[in-house]
Each structure stands twice: as C-alpha cells, then as structure tokens.
C-alpha cells in the first residue's frame, strides 16, 4: 500500500470515557497519551468526560493537558448528550474504555442503570455487541493510598460492596475489567494487532 493510499484509509475509532475518579487518573492519561502516539496512524481516540470527571480533571490540573493531547474533549450534558450511546449502537467505535471508573459508575453498570452519559453508553454498547473495558478505581476490598493534587497521600478504604460490584462486572458478557492502567496497552495490542513498544 502506498503512503497516499494509507493516508486515505479511514482511522478506526475508540471511545474513552473518564469519570470523576482522581485515583489512577494521571497514570491513565499518561498511558493513553503513549498509546495515542503509538497508534496515531490508524486509530483515533475520542474522549468523553462525565460532569464529575470534568470537575476532577480541573481539580488535578489535567484538563488542559488532556485537550492539548487529544484535541476535542466531549463533556457530558445529560445521559444522551453528547450522543455517545447512539454512536456506540451504530458501531462508530471499536470499543468503549471507561478509565478510571468511579465506584458509583461501576455500581450503576453492574445494576443496569443508564442515567449518565457513560453508564448509558456502556449499557447500549453491550446491547449492540460493542466490547467494553472498565478500569475501576476501587478494585478489591482493603486499604489503598491515592495521590491528591499537590502530591499528598490520602488513605481510603475500598468497601466490600464496591469490590462486589467489580466482581459483578467481571461476570457480565462482553465486559472486561482491568486492574491497572498499564493493562490498557494489551487491549489496544489485541484489538489493533500491534505489540506495545
């Protein structure tokens, strides 16, 4: 294939949803920036941010970096605006990645509640056989430490109820649960056939 023909080939698209979790946020963004650079010739990553996600991105000083790295960032207005759910149902995207996902988002998906842009998008993606990958901020029961803006540590307890919702997600058809941001590399490698560099 000539370079001109390759340039004319349409890029495949991925929808990346960001919720209101500060934990794993910076690491996820850095991982996605590296992936975007690695796959830029054939894959376009479109970013969808929940209302709470926008607040947290601003709080951590990451919103401008996200916009400069990925271009347009779609911010939730309501459960259908922007129209992520419709775009997923019409298979505009290869898959939906929700990373990081708050315990609230995980609980809603596990219960089939579709009242936000990202939970609605997830439920309708699954109805349309579009794979969904979720990186929960609260993965398993116990004590964790997360970084606050400015670098201070904050001690948090992941409740057994939150861990149980993650286990429910793992049992859902066409949903894959990721434990760490680095596992996103393997998702792209499997879907798009490149090894991580």
Foldseek 3Di string as FASTA:
>chain_A
DDPVVLQPDAAAEEEEEEEQDPFQVVVLLVLVLLVCVVCVSHYAYAAEYEPNRVVNCVQLVNPVVSCVSRPDHQYWPWQCVVNLLVCLLVVSHQAYEYPADELVLLQCCLVQHRTTNVSSNVNSNVVNLRAYEYEYSQAAFDWDWGAGRVGDIDIDTRDRVSNVSNVSQCPDPRYHYDHHSVCVQVVCCVVVVDHRD
